[in-house]
Amino acid sequence: VTSQYQGVVDRLGLHPGVVTPSTLSALNLLNIDRLASD
C-alpha cells in the first residue's frame, strides 16, 4: 500500500523522504498553548 503512494512521487523523479498519516500531520497544526490540558 505505502509503495503505491511512494511510487507516484518516485516516478516524477522526486524522493519521498517521509510518509505519514494525515491525522498525525494535522495534529502538528494544533496550537497546544490555546488548548485545555485535555
All heavy atoms as atom14 arrays in JSON, in Angstrom:
{
  "sequence": "VTSQYQGVVDRLGLHPGVVTPSTLSALNLLNIDRLASD",
  "atom14_mask": [
    [1, 1, 1, 1, 1, 1, 1, 0, 0, 0, 0, 0, 0, 0],
    [1, 1, 1, 1, 1, 1, 1, 0, 0, 0, 0, 0, 0, 0],
    [1, 1, 1, 1, 1, 1, 0, 0, 0, 0, 0, 0, 0, 0],
    [1, 1, 1, 1, 1, 1, 1, 1, 1, 0, 0, 0, 0, 0],
    [1, 1, 1, 1, 1, 1, 1, 1, 1, 1, 1, 1, 0, 0],
    [1, 1, 1, 1, 1, 1, 1, 1, 1, 0, 0, 0, 0, 0],
    [1, 1, 1, 1, 0, 0, 0, 0, 0, 0, 0, 0, 0, 0],
    [1, 1, 1, 1, 1, 1, 1, 0, 0, 0, 0, 0, 0, 0],
    [1, 1, 1, 1, 1, 1, 1, 0, 0, 0, 0, 0, 0, 0],
    [1, 1, 1, 1, 1, 1, 1, 1, 0, 0, 0, 0, 0, 0],
    [1, 1, 1, 1, 1, 1, 1, 1, 1, 1, 1, 0, 0, 0],
    [1, 1, 1, 1, 1, 1, 1, 1, 0, 0, 0, 0, 0, 0],
    [1, 1, 1, 1, 0, 0, 0, 0, 0, 0, 0, 0, 0, 0],
    [1, 1, 1, 1, 1, 1, 1, 1, 0, 0, 0, 0, 0, 0],
    [1, 1, 1, 1, 1, 1, 1, 1, 1, 1, 0, 0, 0, 0],
    [1, 1, 1, 1, 1, 1, 1, 0, 0, 0, 0, 0, 0, 0],
    [1, 1, 1, 1, 0, 0, 0, 0, 0, 0, 0, 0, 0, 0],
    [1, 1, 1, 1, 1, 1, 1, 0, 0, 0, 0, 0, 0, 0],
    [1, 1, 1, 1, 1, 1, 1, 0, 0, 0, 0, 0, 0, 0],
    [1, 1, 1, 1, 1, 1, 1, 0, 0, 0, 0, 0, 0, 0],
    [1, 1, 1, 1, 1, 1, 1, 0, 0, 0, 0, 0, 0, 0],
    [1, 1, 1, 1, 1, 1, 0, 0, 0, 0, 0, 0, 0, 0],
    [1, 1, 1, 1, 1, 1, 1, 0, 0, 0, 0, 0, 0, 0],
    [1, 1, 1, 1, 1, 1, 1, 1, 0, 0, 0, 0, 0, 0],
    [1, 1, 1, 1, 1, 1, 0, 0, 0, 0, 0, 0, 0, 0],
    [1, 1, 1, 1, 1, 0, 0, 0, 0, 0, 0, 0, 0, 0],
    [1, 1, 1, 1, 1, 1, 1, 1, 0, 0, 0, 0, 0, 0],
    [1, 1, 1, 1, 1, 1, 1, 1, 0, 0, 0, 0, 0, 0],
    [1, 1, 1, 1, 1, 1, 1, 1, 0, 0, 0, 0, 0, 0],
    [1, 1, 1, 1, 1, 1, 1, 1, 0, 0, 0, 0, 0, 0],
    [1, 1, 1, 1, 1, 1, 1, 1, 0, 0, 0, 0, 0, 0],
    [1, 1, 1, 1, 1, 1, 1, 1, 0, 0, 0, 0, 0, 0],
    [1, 1, 1, 1, 1, 1, 1, 1, 0, 0, 0, 0, 0, 0],
    [1, 1, 1, 1, 1, 1, 1, 1, 1, 1, 1, 0, 0, 0],
    [1, 1, 1, 1, 1, 1, 1, 1, 0, 0, 0, 0, 0, 0],
    [1, 1, 1, 1, 1, 0, 0, 0, 0, 0, 0, 0, 0, 0],
    [1, 1, 1, 1, 1, 1, 0, 0, 0, 0, 0, 0, 0, 0],
    [1, 1, 1, 1, 1, 1, 1, 1, 0, 0, 0, 0, 0, 0]
  ],
  "atom14_positions": [
    [[0.83, -1.21, 0.0], [0.0, 0.0, 0.0], [0.87, 1.26, 0.0], [0.7, 2.15, -0.84], [-0.96, 0.01, 1.22], [-1.63, 1.37, 1.37], [-2.01, -1.08, 1.06], [0.0, 0.0, 0.0], [0.0, 0.0, 0.0], [0.0, 0.0, 0.0], [0.0, 0.0, 0.0], [0.0, 0.0, 0.0], [0.0, 0.0, 0.0], [0.0, 0.0, 0.0]],
    [[1.81, 1.34, 0.94], [2.64, 2.55, 1.0], [3.48, 2.71, -0.27], [3.75, 3.84, -0.69], [3.58, 2.5, 2.22], [4.36, 1.3, 2.18], [2.78, 2.54, 3.52], [0.0, 0.0, 0.0], [0.0, 0.0, 0.0], [0.0, 0.0, 0.0], [0.0, 0.0, 0.0], [0.0, 0.0, 0.0], [0.0, 0.0, 0.0], [0.0, 0.0, 0.0]],
    [[3.87, 1.6, -0.89], [4.69, 1.7, -2.11], [3.92, 2.35, -3.25], [4.52, 2.96, -4.13], [5.18, 0.31, -2.52], [4.1, -0.54, -2.88], [0.0, 0.0, 0.0], [0.0, 0.0, 0.0], [0.0, 0.0, 0.0], [0.0, 0.0, 0.0], [0.0, 0.0, 0.0], [0.0, 0.0, 0.0], [0.0, 0.0, 0.0], [0.0, 0.0, 0.0]],
    [[2.58, 2.24, -3.25], [1.8, 2.9, -4.3], [1.9, 4.42, -4.19], [2.07, 5.11, -5.19], [0.34, 2.48, -4.19], [0.09, 1.01, -4.48], [-1.35, 0.64, -4.22], [-2.26, 1.12, -4.88], [-1.57, -0.22, -3.23], [0.0, 0.0, 0.0], [0.0, 0.0, 0.0], [0.0, 0.0, 0.0], [0.0, 0.0, 0.0], [0.0, 0.0, 0.0]],
    [[1.79, 4.92, -2.96], [1.88, 6.37, -2.75], [3.31, 6.87, -3.01], [3.51, 7.92, -3.62], [1.44, 6.72, -1.34], [-0.02, 6.45, -1.08], [-0.45, 5.27, -0.48], [-1.0, 7.38, -1.46], [-1.8, 5.02, -0.25], [-2.35, 7.14, -1.22], [-2.74, 5.95, -0.62], [-4.07, 5.72, -0.41], [0.0, 0.0, 0.0], [0.0, 0.0, 0.0]],
    [[4.28, 6.11, -2.53], [5.68, 6.49, -2.77], [6.01, 6.42, -4.26], [6.77, 7.24, -4.77], [6.61, 5.58, -1.98], [6.54, 5.8, -0.48], [7.37, 4.79, 0.28], [7.11, 3.58, 0.25], [8.38, 5.27, 0.98], [0.0, 0.0, 0.0], [0.0, 0.0, 0.0], [0.0, 0.0, 0.0], [0.0, 0.0, 0.0], [0.0, 0.0, 0.0]],
    [[5.42, 5.44, -4.95], [5.72, 5.25, -6.37], [5.3, 6.43, -7.21], [5.98, 6.78, -8.2], [0.0, 0.0, 0.0], [0.0, 0.0, 0.0], [0.0, 0.0, 0.0], [0.0, 0.0, 0.0], [0.0, 0.0, 0.0], [0.0, 0.0, 0.0], [0.0, 0.0, 0.0], [0.0, 0.0, 0.0], [0.0, 0.0, 0.0], [0.0, 0.0, 0.0]],
    [[4.18, 7.08, -6.84], [3.73, 8.26, -7.59], [4.81, 9.34, -7.56], [5.1, 9.98, -8.58], [2.42, 8.8, -6.98], [2.08, 10.17, -7.56], [1.28, 7.83, -7.23], [0.0, 0.0, 0.0], [0.0, 0.0, 0.0], [0.0, 0.0, 0.0], [0.0, 0.0, 0.0], [0.0, 0.0, 0.0], [0.0, 0.0, 0.0], [0.0, 0.0, 0.0]],
    [[5.41, 9.53, -6.38], [6.46, 10.54, -6.23], [7.75, 10.09, -6.92], [8.43, 10.88, -7.59], [6.71, 10.82, -4.73], [7.82, 11.83, -4.55], [5.42, 11.32, -4.07], [0.0, 0.0, 0.0], [0.0, 0.0, 0.0], [0.0, 0.0, 0.0], [0.0, 0.0, 0.0], [0.0, 0.0, 0.0], [0.0, 0.0, 0.0], [0.0, 0.0, 0.0]],
    [[8.09, 8.82, -6.76], [9.31, 8.28, -7.38], [9.31, 8.48, -8.89], [10.32, 8.86, -9.48], [9.45, 6.78, -7.07], [9.91, 6.52, -5.64], [10.61, 7.39, -5.07], [9.56, 5.46, -5.1], [0.0, 0.0, 0.0], [0.0, 0.0, 0.0], [0.0, 0.0, 0.0], [0.0, 0.0, 0.0], [0.0, 0.0, 0.0], [0.0, 0.0, 0.0]],
    [[8.17, 8.22, -9.52], [8.11, 8.28, -10.98], [8.22, 9.71, -11.5], [8.45, 9.91, -12.7], [6.82, 7.61, -11.47], [6.88, 6.08, -11.39], [5.68, 5.43, -12.06], [4.45, 5.66, -11.32], [4.02, 4.89, -10.31], [4.76, 3.86, -9.89], [2.88, 5.14, -9.71], [0.0, 0.0, 0.0], [0.0, 0.0, 0.0], [0.0, 0.0, 0.0]],
    [[8.05, 10.69, -10.61], [8.27, 12.08, -11.01], [9.7, 12.52, -10.74], [10.05, 13.69, -10.9], [7.3, 12.99, -10.25], [5.81, 12.84, -10.6], [4.97, 13.78, -9.74], [5.56, 13.1, -12.07], [0.0, 0.0, 0.0], [0.0, 0.0, 0.0], [0.0, 0.0, 0.0], [0.0, 0.0, 0.0], [0.0, 0.0, 0.0], [0.0, 0.0, 0.0]],
    [[10.56, 11.56, -10.36], [11.96, 11.86, -10.1], [12.19, 12.55, -8.77], [13.22, 13.21, -8.58], [0.0, 0.0, 0.0], [0.0, 0.0, 0.0], [0.0, 0.0, 0.0], [0.0, 0.0, 0.0], [0.0, 0.0, 0.0], [0.0, 0.0, 0.0], [0.0, 0.0, 0.0], [0.0, 0.0, 0.0], [0.0, 0.0, 0.0], [0.0, 0.0, 0.0]],
    [[11.25, 12.4, -7.83], [11.36, 13.03, -6.52], [11.58, 11.97, -5.44], [11.35, 10.78, -5.66], [10.09, 13.84, -6.21], [9.78, 14.94, -7.23], [8.39, 15.5, -6.98], [10.82, 16.05, -7.17], [0.0, 0.0, 0.0], [0.0, 0.0, 0.0], [0.0, 0.0, 0.0], [0.0, 0.0, 0.0], [0.0, 0.0, 0.0], [0.0, 0.0, 0.0]],
    [[11.98, 12.42, -4.26], [12.29, 11.49, -3.18], [11.3, 11.64, -2.04], [11.25, 12.69, -1.39], [13.71, 11.75, -2.65], [14.04, 10.9, -1.45], [14.04, 9.53, -1.48], [14.37, 11.26, -0.19], [14.37, 9.07, -0.29], [14.57, 10.09, 0.52], [0.0, 0.0, 0.0], [0.0, 0.0, 0.0], [0.0, 0.0, 0.0], [0.0, 0.0, 0.0]],
    [[10.49, 10.59, -1.77], [9.54, 10.65, -0.65], [10.27, 10.32, 0.66], [10.28, 9.16, 1.1], [8.51, 9.59, -1.01], [9.27, 8.59, -1.84], [10.34, 9.37, -2.58], [0.0, 0.0, 0.0], [0.0, 0.0, 0.0], [0.0, 0.0, 0.0], [0.0, 0.0, 0.0], [0.0, 0.0, 0.0], [0.0, 0.0, 0.0], [0.0, 0.0, 0.0]],
    [[10.87, 11.32, 1.28], [11.7, 11.07, 2.46], [10.91, 10.63, 3.67], [11.41, 9.85, 4.49], [0.0, 0.0, 0.0], [0.0, 0.0, 0.0], [0.0, 0.0, 0.0], [0.0, 0.0, 0.0], [0.0, 0.0, 0.0], [0.0, 0.0, 0.0], [0.0, 0.0, 0.0], [0.0, 0.0, 0.0], [0.0, 0.0, 0.0], [0.0, 0.0, 0.0]],
    [[9.68, 11.1, 3.82], [8.84, 10.74, 4.96], [7.44, 10.43, 4.46], [6.92, 11.11, 3.59], [8.77, 11.9, 5.99], [7.75, 11.62, 7.08], [10.14, 12.15, 6.62], [0.0, 0.0, 0.0], [0.0, 0.0, 0.0], [0.0, 0.0, 0.0], [0.0, 0.0, 0.0], [0.0, 0.0, 0.0], [0.0, 0.0, 0.0], [0.0, 0.0, 0.0]],
    [[6.86, 9.37, 4.99], [5.46, 9.03, 4.72], [4.74, 9.07, 6.07], [5.16, 8.42, 7.02], [5.32, 7.63, 4.09], [3.84, 7.29, 3.88], [6.08, 7.56, 2.78], [0.0, 0.0, 0.0], [0.0, 0.0, 0.0], [0.0, 0.0, 0.0], [0.0, 0.0, 0.0], [0.0, 0.0, 0.0], [0.0, 0.0, 0.0], [0.0, 0.0, 0.0]],
    [[3.65, 9.83, 6.14], [2.96, 9.99, 7.42], [1.45, 10.06, 7.22], [0.99, 10.59, 6.21], [3.47, 11.26, 8.14], [2.89, 11.36, 9.44], [3.16, 12.52, 7.36], [0.0, 0.0, 0.0], [0.0, 0.0, 0.0], [0.0, 0.0, 0.0], [0.0, 0.0, 0.0], [0.0, 0.0, 0.0], [0.0, 0.0, 0.0], [0.0, 0.0, 0.0]],
    [[0.67, 9.52, 8.15], [-0.8, 9.59, 8.03], [-1.31, 11.01, 8.22], [-0.71, 11.81, 8.93], [-1.29, 8.68, 9.16], [-0.1, 7.91, 9.61], [1.09, 8.73, 9.32], [0.0, 0.0, 0.0], [0.0, 0.0, 0.0], [0.0, 0.0, 0.0], [0.0, 0.0, 0.0], [0.0, 0.0, 0.0], [0.0, 0.0, 0.0], [0.0, 0.0, 0.0]],
    [[-2.46, 11.29, 7.63], [-2.95, 12.66, 7.61], [-3.32, 13.18, 9.0], [-3.11, 14.37, 9.29], [-4.15, 12.78, 6.67], [-5.19, 11.91, 7.08], [0.0, 0.0, 0.0], [0.0, 0.0, 0.0], [0.0, 0.0, 0.0], [0.0, 0.0, 0.0], [0.0, 0.0, 0.0], [0.0, 0.0, 0.0], [0.0, 0.0, 0.0], [0.0, 0.0, 0.0]],
    [[-3.84, 12.34, 9.88], [-4.2, 12.83, 11.21], [-2.97, 13.28, 11.99], [-2.99, 14.31, 12.67], [-4.97, 11.77, 12.01], [-6.3, 11.65, 11.48], [-5.09, 12.15, 13.49], [0.0, 0.0, 0.0], [0.0, 0.0, 0.0], [0.0, 0.0, 0.0], [0.0, 0.0, 0.0], [0.0, 0.0, 0.0], [0.0, 0.0, 0.0], [0.0, 0.0, 0.0]],
    [[-1.88, 12.52, 11.92], [-0.68, 12.92, 12.64], [-0.12, 14.21, 12.07], [0.42, 15.05, 12.81], [0.38, 11.81, 12.57], [0.03, 10.5, 13.28], [1.23, 9.58, 13.31], [-0.51, 10.73, 14.67], [0.0, 0.0, 0.0], [0.0, 0.0, 0.0], [0.0, 0.0, 0.0], [0.0, 0.0, 0.0], [0.0, 0.0, 0.0], [0.0, 0.0, 0.0]],
    [[-0.25, 14.41, 10.76], [0.18, 15.67, 10.17], [-0.68, 16.82, 10.66], [-0.19, 17.89, 11.02], [0.12, 15.6, 8.64], [1.08, 14.7, 8.15], [0.0, 0.0, 0.0], [0.0, 0.0, 0.0], [0.0, 0.0, 0.0], [0.0, 0.0, 0.0], [0.0, 0.0, 0.0], [0.0, 0.0, 0.0], [0.0, 0.0, 0.0], [0.0, 0.0, 0.0]],
    [[-2.0, 16.58, 10.7], [-2.91, 17.64, 11.13], [-2.68, 18.0, 12.6], [-2.79, 19.18, 12.98], [-4.35, 17.19, 10.92], [0.0, 0.0, 0.0], [0.0, 0.0, 0.0], [0.0, 0.0, 0.0], [0.0, 0.0, 0.0], [0.0, 0.0, 0.0], [0.0, 0.0, 0.0], [0.0, 0.0, 0.0], [0.0, 0.0, 0.0], [0.0, 0.0, 0.0]],
    [[-2.36, 17.03, 13.43], [-2.13, 17.3, 14.85], [-0.98, 18.28, 15.06], [-0.96, 19.02, 16.05], [-1.85, 16.0, 15.6], [-3.06, 15.11, 15.87], [-2.63, 13.77, 16.44], [-4.04, 15.78, 16.82], [0.0, 0.0, 0.0], [0.0, 0.0, 0.0], [0.0, 0.0, 0.0], [0.0, 0.0, 0.0], [0.0, 0.0, 0.0], [0.0, 0.0, 0.0]],
    [[-0.04, 18.3, 14.14], [1.08, 19.23, 14.26], [0.66, 20.68, 14.05], [1.43, 21.6, 14.34], [2.19, 18.86, 13.27], [3.01, 17.69, 13.73], [3.66, 17.74, 14.77], [2.97, 16.6, 13.0], [0.0, 0.0, 0.0], [0.0, 0.0, 0.0], [0.0, 0.0, 0.0], [0.0, 0.0, 0.0], [0.0, 0.0, 0.0], [0.0, 0.0, 0.0]],
    [[-0.54, 20.89, 13.52], [-1.04, 22.25, 13.33], [-1.75, 22.79, 14.57], [-2.08, 23.97, 14.63], [-2.02, 22.3, 12.15], [-1.42, 22.11, 10.76], [-2.54, 22.04, 9.73], [-0.46, 23.24, 10.41], [0.0, 0.0, 0.0], [0.0, 0.0, 0.0], [0.0, 0.0, 0.0], [0.0, 0.0, 0.0], [0.0, 0.0, 0.0], [0.0, 0.0, 0.0]],
    [[-1.99, 21.94, 15.55], [-2.67, 22.38, 16.76], [-1.81, 23.37, 17.54], [-0.61, 23.13, 17.75], [-3.01, 21.19, 17.65], [-4.14, 20.28, 17.18], [-4.24, 19.07, 18.09], [-5.46, 21.03, 17.16], [0.0, 0.0, 0.0], [0.0, 0.0, 0.0], [0.0, 0.0, 0.0], [0.0, 0.0, 0.0], [0.0, 0.0, 0.0], [0.0, 0.0, 0.0]],
    [[-2.43, 24.43, 17.99], [-1.75, 25.38, 18.87], [-1.97, 24.9, 20.29], [-2.98, 25.19, 20.93], [-2.31, 26.79, 18.67], [-1.49, 27.84, 19.4], [-0.9, 27.57, 20.45], [-1.44, 29.05, 18.86], [0.0, 0.0, 0.0], [0.0, 0.0, 0.0], [0.0, 0.0, 0.0], [0.0, 0.0, 0.0], [0.0, 0.0, 0.0], [0.0, 0.0, 0.0]],
    [[-1.0, 24.14, 20.81], [-1.15, 23.5, 22.1], [-1.39, 24.52, 23.21], [-2.13, 24.27, 24.16], [0.09, 22.64, 22.42], [0.29, 21.57, 21.33], [-0.05, 21.97, 23.78], [-0.86, 20.62, 21.15], [0.0, 0.0, 0.0], [0.0, 0.0, 0.0], [0.0, 0.0, 0.0], [0.0, 0.0, 0.0], [0.0, 0.0, 0.0], [0.0, 0.0, 0.0]],
    [[-0.78, 25.68, 23.08], [-0.89, 26.69, 24.13], [-2.33, 27.18, 24.3], [-2.7, 27.68, 25.37], [0.02, 27.89, 23.83], [1.5, 27.5, 23.87], [1.8, 26.5, 24.54], [2.31, 28.19, 23.24], [0.0, 0.0, 0.0], [0.0, 0.0, 0.0], [0.0, 0.0, 0.0], [0.0, 0.0, 0.0], [0.0, 0.0, 0.0], [0.0, 0.0, 0.0]],
    [[-3.12, 27.08, 23.25], [-4.51, 27.58, 23.31], [-5.5, 26.49, 23.69], [-6.69, 26.77, 23.82], [-4.9, 28.19, 21.97], [-4.1, 29.44, 21.6], [-4.62, 30.03, 20.31], [-3.87, 31.23, 19.94], [-4.11, 31.95, 18.84], [-5.08, 31.6, 18.03], [-3.39, 33.01, 18.57], [0.0, 0.0, 0.0], [0.0, 0.0, 0.0], [0.0, 0.0, 0.0]],
    [[-5.03, 25.27, 23.87], [-5.92, 24.16, 24.19], [-5.99, 23.94, 25.7], [-5.07, 24.28, 26.44], [-5.44, 22.87, 23.53], [-5.41, 22.83, 22.0], [-4.84, 21.5, 21.53], [-6.8, 23.05, 21.42], [0.0, 0.0, 0.0], [0.0, 0.0, 0.0], [0.0, 0.0, 0.0], [0.0, 0.0, 0.0], [0.0, 0.0, 0.0], [0.0, 0.0, 0.0]],
    [[-7.09, 23.36, 26.15], [-7.17, 22.92, 27.54], [-6.2, 21.76, 27.74], [-5.7, 21.17, 26.77], [-8.6, 22.49, 27.84], [0.0, 0.0, 0.0], [0.0, 0.0, 0.0], [0.0, 0.0, 0.0], [0.0, 0.0, 0.0], [0.0, 0.0, 0.0], [0.0, 0.0, 0.0], [0.0, 0.0, 0.0], [0.0, 0.0, 0.0], [0.0, 0.0, 0.0]],
    [[-5.93, 21.44, 28.99], [-4.97, 20.35, 29.26], [-5.43, 19.05, 28.63], [-4.63, 18.24, 28.17], [-4.77, 20.18, 30.77], [-6.03, 19.93, 31.4], [0.0, 0.0, 0.0], [0.0, 0.0, 0.0], [0.0, 0.0, 0.0], [0.0, 0.0, 0.0], [0.0, 0.0, 0.0], [0.0, 0.0, 0.0], [0.0, 0.0, 0.0], [0.0, 0.0, 0.0]],
    [[-6.75, 18.82, 28.6], [-7.33, 17.69, 27.88], [-8.12, 18.24, 26.71], [-8.99, 19.1, 26.89], [-8.25, 16.88, 28.79], [-7.48, 16.09, 29.84], [-6.24, 16.06, 29.78], [-8.14, 15.51, 30.72], [0.0, 0.0, 0.0], [0.0, 0.0, 0.0], [0.0, 0.0, 0.0], [0.0, 0.0, 0.0], [0.0, 0.0, 0.0], [0.0, 0.0, 0.0]]
  ]
}
